[in-house]
PDB file of N, CA and C in Angstrom:
ATOM      1  N   UNK A   1     118.106 106.545 100.816  1.00  0.00           N
ATOM      2  CA  UNK A   1     117.857 107.335 101.624  1.00  0.00           C
ATOM      3  C   UNK A   1     116.856 107.065 102.214  1.00  0.00           C
ATOM      4  N   UNK A   2     118.130 107.038 104.097  1.00  0.00           N
ATOM      5  CA  UNK A   2     116.854 107.226 105.271  1.00  0.00           C
ATOM      6  C   UNK A   2     115.949 107.902 105.465  1.00  0.00           C
ATOM      7  N   UNK A   3     114.877 107.524 106.039  1.00  0.00           N
ATOM      8  CA  UNK A   3     114.092 108.604 105.801  1.00  0.00           C
ATOM      9  C   UNK A   3     113.992 108.814 107.765  1.00  0.00           C
ATOM     10  N   UNK A   4     113.667 110.134 107.885  1.00  0.00           N
ATOM     11  CA  UNK A   4     113.655 110.224 109.016  1.00  0.00           C
ATOM     12  C   UNK A   4     112.721 110.541 109.774  1.00  0.00           C
ATOM     13  N   UNK A   5     112.130 110.186 111.122  1.00  0.00           N
ATOM     14  CA  UNK A   5     110.335 109.771 111.492  1.00  0.00           C
ATOM     15  C   UNK A   5     110.291 110.133 112.442  1.00  0.00           C
ATOM     16  N   UNK A   6     109.156 111.067 113.826  1.00  0.00           N
ATOM     17  CA  UNK A   6     109.021 111.517 115.077  1.00  0.00           C
ATOM     18  C   UNK A   6     107.858 110.994 115.040  1.00  0.00           C
ATOM     19  N   UNK A   7     107.644 110.851 116.549  1.00  0.00           N
ATOM     20  CA  UNK A   7     106.266 110.188 116.902  1.00  0.00           C
ATOM     21  C   UNK A   7     106.381 111.063 118.695  1.00  0.00           C
ATOM     22  N   UNK A   8     105.278 110.887 118.699  1.00  0.00           N
ATOM     23  CA  UNK A   8     105.237 111.673 120.335  1.00  0.00           C
ATOM     24  C   UNK A   8     104.466 110.061 121.123  1.00  0.00           C
ATOM     25  N   UNK A   9     104.921 109.823 122.274  1.00  0.00           N
ATOM     26  CA  UNK A   9     104.773 108.568 123.410  1.00  0.00           C
ATOM     27  C   UNK A   9     104.533 109.539 124.928  1.00  0.00           C
ATOM     28  N   UNK A  10     103.108 109.831 125.025  1.00  0.00           N
ATOM     29  CA  UNK A  10     102.788 110.286 125.910  1.00  0.00           C
ATOM     30  C   UNK A  10     103.234 111.787 126.214  1.00  0.00           C
ATOM     31  N   UNK A  11     103.992 112.860 126.727  1.00  0.00           N
ATOM     32  CA  UNK A  11     104.080 113.700 126.703  1.00  0.00           C
ATOM     33  C   UNK A  11     105.316 113.773 125.879  1.00  0.00           C
ATOM     34  N   UNK A  12     106.286 113.017 124.768  1.00  0.00           N
ATOM     35  CA  UNK A  12     107.532 113.307 124.589  1.00  0.00           C
ATOM     36  C   UNK A  12     107.615 113.160 123.427  1.00  0.00           C
ATOM     37  N   UNK A  13     108.638 113.586 122.270  1.00  0.00           N
ATOM     38  CA  UNK A  13     108.657 112.958 120.750  1.00  0.00           C
ATOM     39  C   UNK A  13     110.128 112.247 120.705  1.00  0.00           C
ATOM     40  N   UNK A  14     109.980 111.571 120.279  1.00  0.00           N
ATOM     41  CA  UNK A  14     110.818 110.715 119.335  1.00  0.00           C
ATOM     42  C   UNK A  14     111.714 110.720 118.056  1.00  0.00           C
ATOM     43  N   UNK A  15     112.096 110.706 118.003  1.00  0.00           N
ATOM     44  CA  UNK A  15     113.010 110.597 116.257  1.00  0.00           C
ATOM     45  C   UNK A  15     114.044 108.830 116.186  1.00  0.00           C
ATOM     46  N   UNK A  16     113.562 109.027 115.114  1.00  0.00           N
ATOM     47  CA  UNK A  16     113.877 107.600 114.334  1.00  0.00           C
ATOM     48  C   UNK A  16     114.173 107.319 112.634  1.00  0.00           C
ATOM     49  N   UNK A  17     114.904 106.839 112.221  1.00  0.00           N
ATOM     50  CA  UNK A  17     115.313 105.913 111.321  1.00  0.00           C
ATOM     51  C   UNK A  17     115.738 105.234 111.000  1.00  0.00           C
ATOM     52  N   UNK A  18     116.197 104.779 109.711  1.00  0.00           N
ATOM     53  CA  UNK A  18     116.410 102.527 109.553  1.00  0.00           C
ATOM     54  C   UNK A  18     118.092 103.009 109.177  1.00  0.00           C
ATOM     55  N   UNK A  19     118.960 102.355 109.896  1.00  0.00           N
ATOM     56  CA  UNK A  19     120.450 102.774 109.632  1.00  0.00           C
ATOM     57  C   UNK A  19     120.843 101.321 108.957  1.00  0.00           C
ATOM     58  N   UNK A  20     120.095 100.674 108.857  1.00  0.00           N
ATOM     59  CA  UNK A  20     120.400  99.688 107.581  1.00  0.00           C
ATOM     60  C   UNK A  20     119.815  97.928 107.995  1.00  0.00           C
ATOM     61  N   UNK A  21     120.142  96.786 107.948  1.00  0.00           N
ATOM     62  CA  UNK A  21     120.064  95.623 107.949  1.00  0.00           C
ATOM     63  C   UNK A  21     121.904  94.951 109.177  1.00  0.00           C
ATOM     64  N   UNK A  22     121.207  94.051 109.625  1.00  0.00           N
ATOM     65  CA  UNK A  22     122.113  93.209 110.438  1.00  0.00           C
ATOM     66  C   UNK A  22     122.892  92.136 109.138  1.00  0.00           C
ATOM     67  N   UNK A  23     123.435  91.447 109.204  1.00  0.00           N
ATOM     68  CA  UNK A  23     123.918  90.456 108.688  1.00  0.00           C
ATOM     69  C   UNK A  23     123.441  89.291 108.663  1.00  0.00           C
ATOM     70  N   UNK A  24     122.742  88.648 109.640  1.00  0.00           N
ATOM     71  CA  UNK A  24     120.633  88.253 109.731  1.00  0.00           C
ATOM     72  C   UNK A  24     119.554  88.615 108.754  1.00  0.00           C
ATOM     73  N   UNK A  25     120.115  89.713 108.579  1.00  0.00           N
ATOM     74  CA  UNK A  25     119.001  90.587 107.651  1.00  0.00           C
ATOM     75  C   UNK A  25     117.777  91.562 108.817  1.00  0.00           C
ATOM     76  N   UNK A  26     118.341  91.706 109.860  1.00  0.00           N
ATOM     77  CA  UNK A  26     116.988  92.206 110.646  1.00  0.00           C
ATOM     78  C   UNK A  26     117.524  93.329 110.585  1.00  0.00           C
ATOM     79  N   UNK A  27     116.168  93.875 110.679  1.00  0.00           N
ATOM     80  CA  UNK A  27     116.474  95.943 110.523  1.00  0.00           C
ATOM     81  C   UNK A  27     117.071  96.907 111.667  1.00  0.00           C
ATOM     82  N   UNK A  28     117.841  97.580 111.180  1.00  0.00           N
ATOM     83  CA  UNK A  28     119.045  98.032 112.487  1.00  0.00           C
ATOM     84  C   UNK A  28     117.738  99.583 112.493  1.00  0.00           C
ATOM     85  N   UNK A  29     117.396  99.827 113.395  1.00  0.00           N
ATOM     86  CA  UNK A  29     116.630 101.208 113.656  1.00  0.00           C
ATOM     87  C   UNK A  29     117.808 101.931 114.732  1.00  0.00           C
ATOM     88  N   UNK A  30     117.678 103.299 114.607  1.00  0.00           N
ATOM     89  CA  UNK A  30     118.281 104.760 115.109  1.00  0.00           C
ATOM     90  C   UNK A  30     117.075 105.042 116.261  1.00  0.00           C
ATOM     91  N   UNK A  31     117.036 104.934 117.150  1.00  0.00           N
ATOM     92  CA  UNK A  31     116.055 106.124 117.658  1.00  0.00           C
ATOM     93  C   UNK A  31     116.090 106.790 119.443  1.00  0.00           C
ATOM     94  N   UNK A  32     115.752 107.935 119.511  1.00  0.00           N
ATOM     95  CA  UNK A  32     115.972 108.443 120.541  1.00  0.00           C
ATOM     96  C   UNK A  32     115.160 109.877 120.825  1.00  0.00           C
ATOM     97  N   UNK A  33     114.488 109.420 122.136  1.00  0.00           N
ATOM     98  CA  UNK A  33     113.708 110.449 122.617  1.00  0.00           C
ATOM     99  C   UNK A  33     113.476 111.397 124.082  1.00  0.00           C
ATOM    100  N   UNK A  34     112.898 111.411 124.457  1.00  0.00           N
ATOM    101  CA  UNK A  34     112.641 112.819 125.196  1.00  0.00           C
ATOM    102  C   UNK A  34     112.718 114.022 124.570  1.00  0.00           C
ATOM    103  N   UNK A  35     112.385 114.633 123.953  1.00  0.00           N
ATOM    104  CA  UNK A  35     112.513 116.037 123.790  1.00  0.00           C
ATOM    105  C   UNK A  35     110.748 116.483 123.984  1.00  0.00           C
ATOM    106  N   UNK A  36     110.596 117.511 124.132  1.00  0.00           N
ATOM    107  CA  UNK A  36     109.382 118.354 124.521  1.00  0.00           C
ATOM    108  C   UNK A  36     108.702 118.854 123.689  1.00  0.00           C
ATOM    109  N   UNK A  37     109.485 119.398 122.200  1.00  0.00           N
ATOM    110  CA  UNK A  37     108.363 119.734 120.998  1.00  0.00           C
ATOM    111  C   UNK A  37     108.441 118.584 119.717  1.00  0.00           C
ATOM    112  N   UNK A  38     108.064 118.991 119.228  1.00  0.00           N
ATOM    113  CA  UNK A  38     108.258 117.942 117.395  1.00  0.00           C
ATOM    114  C   UNK A  38     109.563 118.715 117.088  1.00  0.00           C
ATOM    115  N   UNK A  39     109.296 120.031 117.025  1.00  0.00           N
ATOM    116  CA  UNK A  39     110.453 120.499 116.384  1.00  0.00           C
ATOM    117  C   UNK A  39     111.556 120.658 116.954  1.00  0.00           C
ATOM    118  N   UNK A  40     112.244 119.810 118.387  1.00  0.00           N
ATOM    119  CA  UNK A  40     113.308 119.388 119.021  1.00  0.00           C
ATOM    120  C   UNK A  40     113.988 118.429 118.649  1.00  0.00           C
ATOM    121  N   UNK A  41     112.250 117.385 118.719  1.00  0.00           N
ATOM    122  CA  UNK A  41     112.934 116.036 118.027  1.00  0.00           C
ATOM    123  C   UNK A  41     113.154 116.123 116.495  1.00  0.00           C
ATOM    124  N   UNK A  42     112.624 116.634 115.943  1.00  0.00           N
ATOM    125  CA  UNK A  42     113.271 116.934 114.115  1.00  0.00           C
ATOM    126  C   UNK A  42     114.757 117.273 114.047  1.00  0.00           C
ATOM    127  N   UNK A  43     114.934 118.614 114.848  1.00  0.00           N
ATOM    128  CA  UNK A  43     116.030 119.337 114.672  1.00  0.00           C
ATOM    129  C   UNK A  43     117.277 118.254 115.389  1.00  0.00           C
ATOM    130  N   UNK A  44     117.185 117.479 116.420  1.00  0.00           N
ATOM    131  CA  UNK A  44     118.126 116.555 116.716  1.00  0.00           C
ATOM    132  C   UNK A  44     118.227 115.324 115.239  1.00  0.00           C
ATOM    133  N   UNK A  45     117.112 115.184 115.613  1.00  0.00           N
ATOM    134  CA  UNK A  45     117.007 113.779 114.494  1.00  0.00           C
ATOM    135  C   UNK A  45     118.018 114.494 113.240  1.00  0.00           C
ATOM    136  N   UNK A  46     117.187 115.333 112.799  1.00  0.00           N
ATOM    137  CA  UNK A  46     118.089 116.022 111.474  1.00  0.00           C
ATOM    138  C   UNK A  46     119.902 115.936 111.564  1.00  0.00           C
ATOM    139  N   UNK A  47     119.900 116.353 112.333  1.00  0.00           N
ATOM    140  CA  UNK A  47     121.694 116.464 113.171  1.00  0.00           C
ATOM    141  C   UNK A  47     122.439 114.985 113.144  1.00  0.00           C
ATOM    142  N   UNK A  48     121.563 114.207 114.078  1.00  0.00           N
ATOM    143  CA  UNK A  48     121.703 112.791 114.185  1.00  0.00           C
ATOM    144  C   UNK A  48     121.926 111.898 112.820  1.00  0.00           C
ATOM    145  N   UNK A  49     121.047 111.706 111.647  1.00  0.00           N
ATOM    146  CA  UNK A  49     120.846 111.118 110.229  1.00  0.00           C
ATOM    147  C   UNK A  49     122.349 111.590 109.616  1.00  0.00           C
ATOM    148  N   UNK A  50     122.373 113.199 109.431  1.00  0.00           N
ATOM    149  CA  UNK A  50     123.381 113.582 108.903  1.00  0.00           C
ATOM    150  C   UNK A  50     124.282 113.456 108.808  1.00  0.00           C
ATOM    151  N   UNK A  51     124.914 112.792 110.425  1.00  0.00           N
ATOM    152  CA  UNK A  51     126.256 112.782 110.569  1.00  0.00           C
ATOM    153  C   UNK A  51     126.104 111.061 110.792  1.00  0.00           C
ATOM    154  N   UNK A  52     125.198 109.953 110.647  1.00  0.00           N
ATOM    155  CA  UNK A  52     125.095 108.914 110.343  1.00  0.00           C
ATOM    156  C   UNK A  52     125.526 108.883 108.685  1.00  0.00           C
ATOM    157  N   UNK A  53     124.969 109.383 107.676  1.00  0.00           N
ATOM    158  CA  UNK A  53     125.204 109.642 106.454  1.00  0.00           C
ATOM    159  C   UNK A  53     127.128 109.620 106.157  1.00  0.00           C
ATOM    160  N   UNK A  54     127.437 111.012 106.839  1.00  0.00           N
ATOM    161  CA  UNK A  54     128.302 111.203 106.381  1.00  0.00           C
ATOM    162  C   UNK A  54     129.425 110.332 106.621  1.00  0.00           C
ATOM    163  N   UNK A  55     129.205 109.286 107.676  1.00  0.00           N
ATOM    164  CA  UNK A  55     130.298 108.078 108.369  1.00  0.00           C
ATOM    165  C   UNK A  55     130.458 107.979 109.336  1.00  0.00           C
ATOM    166  N   UNK A  56     130.360 109.307 110.263  1.00  0.00           N
ATOM    167  CA  UNK A  56     130.497 109.968 111.751  1.00  0.00           C
ATOM    168  C   UNK A  56     129.950 108.541 112.782  1.00  0.00           C
ATOM    169  N   UNK A  57     129.309 108.034 112.988  1.00  0.00           N
ATOM    170  CA  UNK A  57     128.449 107.038 113.277  1.00  0.00           C
ATOM    171  C   UNK A  57     128.625 105.629 112.839  1.00  0.00           C
ATOM    172  N   UNK A  58     129.307 104.797 113.656  1.00  0.00           N
ATOM    173  CA  UNK A  58     128.762 103.603 113.509  1.00  0.00           C
ATOM    174  C   UNK A  58     128.805 102.870 114.300  1.00  0.00           C
ATOM    175  N   UNK A  59     127.713 101.856 113.784  1.00  0.00           N
ATOM    176  CA  UNK A  59     126.480 100.650 113.913  1.00  0.00           C
ATOM    177  C   UNK A  59     128.182  99.278 114.392  1.00  0.00           C
ATOM    178  N   UNK A  60     128.315  99.300 115.785  1.00  0.00           N
ATOM    179  CA  UNK A  60     128.991  97.674 115.934  1.00  0.00           C
ATOM    180  C   UNK A  60     128.121  96.872 115.964  1.00  0.00           C
ATOM    181  N   UNK A  61     128.653  96.083 115.549  1.00  0.00           N
ATOM    182  CA  UNK A  61     127.912  94.310 115.893  1.00  0.00           C
ATOM    183  C   UNK A  61     127.580  94.497 117.510  1.00  0.00           C
ATOM    184  N   UNK A  62     126.956  93.341 117.472  1.00  0.00           N
ATOM    185  CA  UNK A  62     126.445  92.576 118.890  1.00  0.00           C
ATOM    186  C   UNK A  62     127.123  91.046 119.229  1.00  0.00           C
ATOM    187  N   UNK A  63     128.013  91.223 117.760  1.00  0.00           N
ATOM    188  CA  UNK A  63     129.113  90.180 118.405  1.00  0.00           C
ATOM    189  C   UNK A  63     130.473  90.561 118.521  1.00  0.00           C
ATOM    190  N   UNK A  64     130.665  91.371 118.891  1.00  0.00           N
ATOM    191  CA  UNK A  64     132.111  92.031 119.269  1.00  0.00           C
ATOM    192  C   UNK A  64     132.227  91.905 120.867  1.00  0.00           C
ATOM    193  N   UNK A  65     133.211  90.902 120.788  1.00  0.00           N
ATOM    194  CA  UNK A  65     133.096  91.199 122.570  1.00  0.00           C
ATOM    195  C   UNK A  65     133.371  92.246 123.176  1.00  0.00           C
ATOM    196  N   UNK A  66     134.198  92.528 124.406  1.00  0.00           N
ATOM    197  CA  UNK A  66     134.366  93.725 125.033  1.00  0.00           C
ATOM    198  C   UNK A  66     135.790  93.587 125.097  1.00  0.00           C
ATOM    199  N   UNK A  67     136.329  92.541 124.766  1.00  0.00           N
ATOM    200  CA  UNK A  67     137.810  91.636 124.831  1.00  0.00           C
ATOM    201  C   UNK A  67     138.318  92.504 123.896  1.00  0.00           C
ATOM    202  N   UNK A  68     137.795  91.934 122.290  1.00  0.00           N
ATOM    203  CA  UNK A  68     138.060  92.225 120.812  1.00  0.00           C
ATOM    204  C   UNK A  68     137.846  94.101 120.467  1.00  0.00           C
ATOM    205  N   UNK A  69     136.703  94.549 121.666  1.00  0.00           N
ATOM    206  CA  UNK A  69     137.051  96.024 120.980  1.00  0.00           C
ATOM    207  C   UNK A  69     137.792  96.532 121.579  1.00  0.00           C
ATOM    208  N   UNK A  70     138.116  96.523 122.762  1.00  0.00           N
ATOM    209  CA  UNK A  70     139.864  96.473 123.934  1.00  0.00           C
ATOM    210  C   UNK A  70     141.063  96.669 123.192  1.00  0.00           C
ATOM    211  N   UNK A  71     141.240  95.186 122.525  1.00  0.00           N
ATOM    212  CA  UNK A  71     142.338  95.014 121.881  1.00  0.00           C
ATOM    213  C   UNK A  71     142.338  95.974 120.818  1.00  0.00           C
ATOM    214  N   UNK A  72     141.720  96.787 119.848  1.00  0.00           N
ATOM    215  CA  UNK A  72     141.584  97.785 118.731  1.00  0.00           C
ATOM    216  C   UNK A  72     141.795  99.144 119.623  1.00  0.00           C
ATOM    217  N   UNK A  73     141.890  99.512 121.043  1.00  0.00           N
ATOM    218  CA  UNK A  73     142.309 100.820 121.656  1.00  0.00           C
ATOM    219  C   UNK A  73     143.469 100.755 122.023  1.00  0.00           C
ATOM    220  N   UNK A  74     143.946 102.344 121.138  1.00  0.00           N
ATOM    221  CA  UNK A  74     145.151 102.210 121.432  1.00  0.00           C
ATOM    222  C   UNK A  74     145.822 102.686 123.060  1.00  0.00           C
ATOM    223  N   UNK A  75     146.901 102.237 123.464  1.00  0.00           N
ATOM    224  CA  UNK A  75     147.603 101.781 124.721  1.00  0.00           C
ATOM    225  C   UNK A  75     147.047 102.687 125.347  1.00  0.00           C
ATOM    226  N   UNK A  76     147.468 104.242 125.264  1.00  0.00           N
ATOM    227  CA  UNK A  76     147.688 105.572 125.308  1.00  0.00           C
ATOM    228  C   UNK A  76     145.873 105.798 125.590  1.00  0.00           C
ATOM    229  N   UNK A  77     144.881 105.494 124.983  1.00  0.00           N
ATOM    230  CA  UNK A  77     143.542 105.982 125.543  1.00  0.00           C
ATOM    231  C   UNK A  77     143.203 105.434 127.050  1.00  0.00           C
ATOM    232  N   UNK A  78     142.127 106.387 127.375  1.00  0.00           N
ATOM    233  CA  UNK A  78     141.991 105.985 129.002  1.00  0.00           C
ATOM    234  C   UNK A  78     141.085 104.918 128.766  1.00  0.00           C
ATOM    235  N   UNK A  79     140.654 103.835 129.548  1.00  0.00           N
ATOM    236  CA  UNK A  79     139.077 103.223 129.099  1.00  0.00           C
ATOM    237  C   UNK A  79     138.897 103.270 130.817  1.00  0.00           C
TER     238      UNK A  79
END
């Protein structure tokens, strides 16, 4: 189970959680910040983590080129 954590940098709060590992074994973390309070960061992080765990968020490999990604987009989708 992924653990959600918050931290403060300067005057802003950030959330982060572990999103698994890359094929070469490095950890992949999701982090977003800029919230005024810890509670705001925690609420936003909880929503993002729930979305990630339900499969609504995909971590795309850094090795996919723009050309390969554009081939999988339907022709009717405006790019």
